[in-house]
Amino acid sequence: MSTREPGTGQVPGRSAQALDDVAYEILGVLREHGRISIAALAERVGISRASAYARVEALTRDGVITGFSARVDPGRAGLAICALVFVTIHPQAWGVFRAALAEMPEVEYCAITTGEHDAMLLVRATDVAGIHDFATGVVAQVPAVKAVVSVVVLDEVIRLPYVLPTDVPARPDIARLGMTRWTPAAAGRDGFPPRGA
C-alpha cells in the first residue's frame, strides 16, 4: 500500500501541486549550488533574503525539498563499476523481495517497472566480479526472485540530482510510431518505501 503524506492525502513524489516560477528558480539554483547562502540565493533569484528563507523553509516543510547531501563521484570514491540489475519476481512474493532488498546496502536505487522485468536495481562495486557476486550470490538467492539479468554500465552520460518541470521543453505534436503497452502494477509492487523510511 502506498504511504501518504500526513494530512495531504498525497503519495510522496506524486500528484504534486504546481509551483510558481520563483520556486522553480530556487530549486534550479540549489541543484547546482546546494551550499549557497540564503543571501546569495536571494540575490540570484531576485527576491529578499526574508522571502528566500521563507520559501526554502516552505519547500522543505511541504516535502518538495527532502534534504541536502553531498554529491560524490563513485569512481573516485572507489566504486568504479556500475550495473543495472533487472529482476523478475515470482507472483505473490513481493513481501519477501521487499524484506530482502532492505538487506542489500549495495543498491543505490531501485525502481519497480512495467514490461519484461519487475524491478531495476542500480548497484556499484569495485570490479566486475563484485557485480557478478551480487547478482548471482545475493539477488538470485532470494526465494522471491524468478530471474536476474545484469547489465554493466559503460558510461554515465547524464546524471542530474533531479529534473524540474521547467527543464522539460514543449515539443510539437509528433507522429507516434507505435503504441506503448503499460502493464498495471501487481499487488505489492506499488509504494516501495525509501530506505530508512
Protein backbone atom coordinates (compact mmCIF):
# COMPACT_ATOMS: atom_id res chain seq x y z
CA MET A 1 0.00 0.00 0.00
CA SER A 2 1.29 3.47 -0.83
CA THR A 3 2.32 5.67 2.07
CA ARG A 4 0.76 9.10 2.06
CA GLU A 5 1.96 12.36 3.50
CA PRO A 6 0.08 13.10 6.73
CA GLY A 7 -2.78 15.49 6.19
CA THR A 8 -2.35 15.75 2.43
CA GLY A 9 -3.75 12.52 1.06
CA GLN A 10 -0.92 12.58 -1.48
CA VAL A 11 1.57 9.85 -2.23
CA PRO A 12 5.08 11.34 -1.78
CA GLY A 13 6.52 12.43 -5.12
CA ARG A 14 3.20 12.12 -6.93
CA SER A 15 0.24 14.39 -7.66
CA ALA A 16 2.30 17.38 -6.61
CA GLN A 17 0.80 20.83 -6.96
CA ALA A 18 2.43 23.16 -9.45
CA LEU A 19 4.98 25.58 -8.07
CA ASP A 20 5.47 29.15 -9.20
CA ASP A 21 8.39 30.42 -11.26
CA VAL A 22 10.31 31.68 -8.23
CA ALA A 23 10.13 28.28 -6.56
CA TYR A 24 11.48 26.63 -9.71
CA GLU A 25 14.29 29.19 -9.86
CA ILE A 26 15.19 28.43 -6.25
CA LEU A 27 15.24 24.70 -6.93
CA GLY A 28 17.33 25.26 -10.05
CA VAL A 29 19.94 27.23 -8.10
CA LEU A 30 20.01 24.70 -5.26
CA ARG A 31 20.53 21.88 -7.76
CA GLU A 32 23.84 23.39 -8.79
CA HIS A 33 24.81 25.10 -5.52
CA GLY A 34 23.34 23.19 -2.60
CA ARG A 35 25.52 25.02 -0.04
CA ILE A 36 24.69 28.52 -1.27
CA SER A 37 23.85 31.03 1.45
CA ILE A 38 20.33 32.42 1.74
CA ALA A 39 21.68 35.89 0.93
CA ALA A 40 23.35 34.67 -2.26
CA LEU A 41 20.29 32.61 -3.18
CA ALA A 42 18.07 35.66 -2.76
CA GLU A 43 20.38 37.73 -4.96
CA ARG A 44 20.50 35.03 -7.68
CA VAL A 45 16.71 34.69 -7.76
CA GLY A 46 15.96 38.41 -7.30
CA ILE A 47 13.99 38.29 -4.06
CA SER A 48 14.59 39.47 -0.50
CA ARG A 49 16.55 37.36 1.99
CA ALA A 50 13.48 37.01 4.17
CA SER A 51 11.46 35.78 1.20
CA ALA A 52 14.19 33.36 0.15
CA TYR A 53 14.43 31.94 3.66
CA ALA A 54 10.65 31.61 3.95
CA ARG A 55 10.38 29.94 0.56
CA VAL A 56 13.15 27.40 1.25
CA GLU A 57 11.51 26.62 4.59
CA ALA A 58 8.12 26.19 2.89
CA LEU A 59 9.56 23.96 0.16
CA THR A 60 11.16 21.82 2.85
CA ARG A 61 8.04 21.72 5.03
CA ASP A 62 5.89 20.77 2.01
CA GLY A 63 8.22 17.90 1.13
CA VAL A 64 9.43 19.39 -2.16
CA ILE A 65 12.96 19.67 -0.75
CA THR A 66 13.59 16.37 1.01
CA GLY A 67 17.09 17.09 2.31
CA PHE A 68 20.60 18.24 1.48
CA SER A 69 23.58 15.99 0.84
CA ALA A 70 26.99 15.94 -0.82
CA ARG A 71 27.34 14.63 -4.37
CA VAL A 72 30.11 12.07 -4.56
CA ASP A 73 31.90 10.75 -7.65
CA PRO A 74 31.53 6.97 -7.14
CA GLY A 75 34.62 6.15 -9.22
CA ARG A 76 36.88 8.48 -7.26
CA ALA A 77 35.37 7.12 -4.04
CA GLY A 78 36.40 3.60 -5.05
CA LEU A 79 33.34 2.15 -6.78
CA ALA A 80 34.46 2.15 -10.40
CA ILE A 81 31.86 -0.30 -11.77
CA CYS A 82 28.15 0.46 -12.14
CA ALA A 83 25.49 -2.01 -13.25
CA LEU A 84 21.76 -2.26 -13.77
CA VAL A 85 20.30 -5.47 -12.37
CA PHE A 86 16.87 -6.36 -13.74
CA VAL A 87 14.83 -8.65 -11.52
CA THR A 88 11.72 -10.73 -12.20
CA ILE A 89 9.73 -11.64 -9.09
CA HIS A 90 7.55 -14.70 -8.51
CA PRO A 91 3.86 -13.74 -8.26
CA GLN A 92 2.65 -13.05 -4.73
CA ALA A 93 6.25 -12.87 -3.41
CA TRP A 94 6.69 -9.11 -3.15
CA GLY A 95 6.82 -9.09 0.63
CA VAL A 96 9.81 -11.43 0.61
CA PHE A 97 11.57 -9.34 -2.03
CA ARG A 98 10.95 -6.09 -0.13
CA ALA A 99 12.41 -7.58 3.05
CA ALA A 100 15.45 -8.90 1.18
CA LEU A 101 16.01 -5.56 -0.58
CA ALA A 102 16.32 -3.80 2.76
CA GLU A 103 19.34 -6.02 3.47
CA MET A 104 21.19 -5.05 0.27
CA PRO A 105 23.32 -1.97 1.03
CA GLU A 106 24.89 -2.15 -2.45
CA VAL A 107 21.64 -0.93 -4.01
CA GLU A 108 21.88 2.77 -4.80
CA TYR A 109 18.47 2.93 -6.49
CA CYS A 110 15.53 0.60 -7.03
CA ALA A 111 12.64 1.16 -9.42
CA ILE A 112 9.59 -1.04 -9.89
CA THR A 113 8.95 -1.22 -13.63
CA THR A 114 6.48 -2.26 -16.26
CA GLY A 115 7.41 -4.65 -19.03
CA GLU A 116 9.51 -7.79 -19.06
CA HIS A 117 11.11 -7.28 -15.65
CA ASP A 118 9.55 -6.25 -12.36
CA ALA A 119 12.37 -4.23 -10.78
CA MET A 120 15.58 -2.49 -11.75
CA LEU A 121 18.40 -2.07 -9.28
CA LEU A 122 21.33 0.29 -9.77
CA VAL A 123 24.38 -1.09 -7.97
CA ARG A 124 28.06 -0.22 -7.73
CA ALA A 125 31.14 -2.31 -7.00
CA THR A 126 34.91 -2.10 -7.06
CA ASP A 127 35.12 -4.51 -10.02
CA VAL A 128 33.02 -6.67 -12.36
CA ALA A 129 33.45 -9.67 -10.08
CA GLY A 130 31.66 -7.69 -7.37
CA ILE A 131 28.68 -7.16 -9.68
CA HIS A 132 28.65 -10.87 -10.56
CA ASP A 133 28.80 -11.86 -6.90
CA PHE A 134 25.93 -9.51 -6.06
CA ALA A 135 23.68 -10.59 -8.95
CA THR A 136 24.21 -14.33 -8.59
CA GLY A 137 25.15 -14.69 -4.95
CA VAL A 138 22.75 -12.19 -3.37
CA VAL A 139 19.81 -11.27 -5.61
CA ALA A 140 19.38 -14.62 -7.36
CA GLN A 141 19.41 -16.40 -4.00
CA VAL A 142 16.29 -14.61 -2.75
CA PRO A 143 13.40 -17.13 -2.89
CA ALA A 144 11.08 -14.47 -4.33
CA VAL A 145 13.34 -13.92 -7.35
CA LYS A 146 12.48 -15.78 -10.54
CA ALA A 147 15.18 -14.36 -12.87
CA VAL A 148 18.06 -11.88 -12.84
CA VAL A 149 19.67 -10.06 -15.76
CA SER A 150 22.63 -7.76 -15.13
CA VAL A 151 23.99 -5.11 -17.50
CA VAL A 152 27.28 -3.32 -16.85
CA VAL A 153 27.11 0.44 -17.45
CA LEU A 154 29.93 1.61 -19.73
CA ASP A 155 29.45 5.35 -19.25
CA GLU A 156 27.06 7.52 -17.26
CA VAL A 157 26.46 10.28 -19.78
CA ILE A 158 23.84 12.31 -17.87
CA ARG A 159 23.20 12.13 -14.14
CA LEU A 160 21.27 15.01 -12.62
CA PRO A 161 20.29 15.20 -8.96
CA TYR A 162 16.74 15.91 -10.13
CA VAL A 163 14.79 17.26 -13.10
CA LEU A 164 12.28 20.11 -12.85
CA PRO A 165 9.17 20.73 -14.98
CA THR A 166 10.87 23.88 -16.26
CA ASP A 167 13.63 21.66 -17.74
CA VAL A 168 11.16 19.80 -19.97
CA PRO A 169 10.79 21.60 -23.31
CA ALA A 170 7.46 21.98 -25.08
CA ARG A 171 7.51 19.79 -28.16
CA PRO A 172 5.20 19.95 -31.17
CA ASP A 173 2.90 17.03 -31.83
CA ILE A 174 4.88 14.19 -33.31
CA ALA A 175 3.78 11.14 -35.24
CA ARG A 176 3.87 8.19 -32.88
CA LEU A 177 5.35 5.10 -34.47
CA GLY A 178 3.54 2.63 -32.27
CA MET A 179 1.62 2.15 -29.09
CA THR A 180 3.19 1.66 -25.70
CA ARG A 181 1.63 -1.08 -23.64
CA TRP A 182 1.51 -0.34 -19.94
CA THR A 183 1.42 -3.26 -17.57
CA PRO A 184 -0.51 -2.42 -14.40
CA ALA A 185 1.34 -2.91 -11.14
CA ALA A 186 0.52 -6.13 -9.34
CA ALA A 187 -0.45 -6.11 -5.69
CA GLY A 188 2.57 -5.27 -3.58
CA ARG A 189 4.56 -3.60 -6.35
CA ASP A 190 3.45 -0.05 -5.67
CA GLY A 191 4.64 2.14 -2.87
CA PHE A 192 8.15 0.83 -2.20
CA PRO A 193 9.27 2.98 0.76
CA PRO A 194 12.65 4.68 0.51
CA ARG A 195 15.43 3.05 2.50
CA GLY A 196 15.31 4.18 6.10
CA ALA A 197 11.62 5.14 5.96
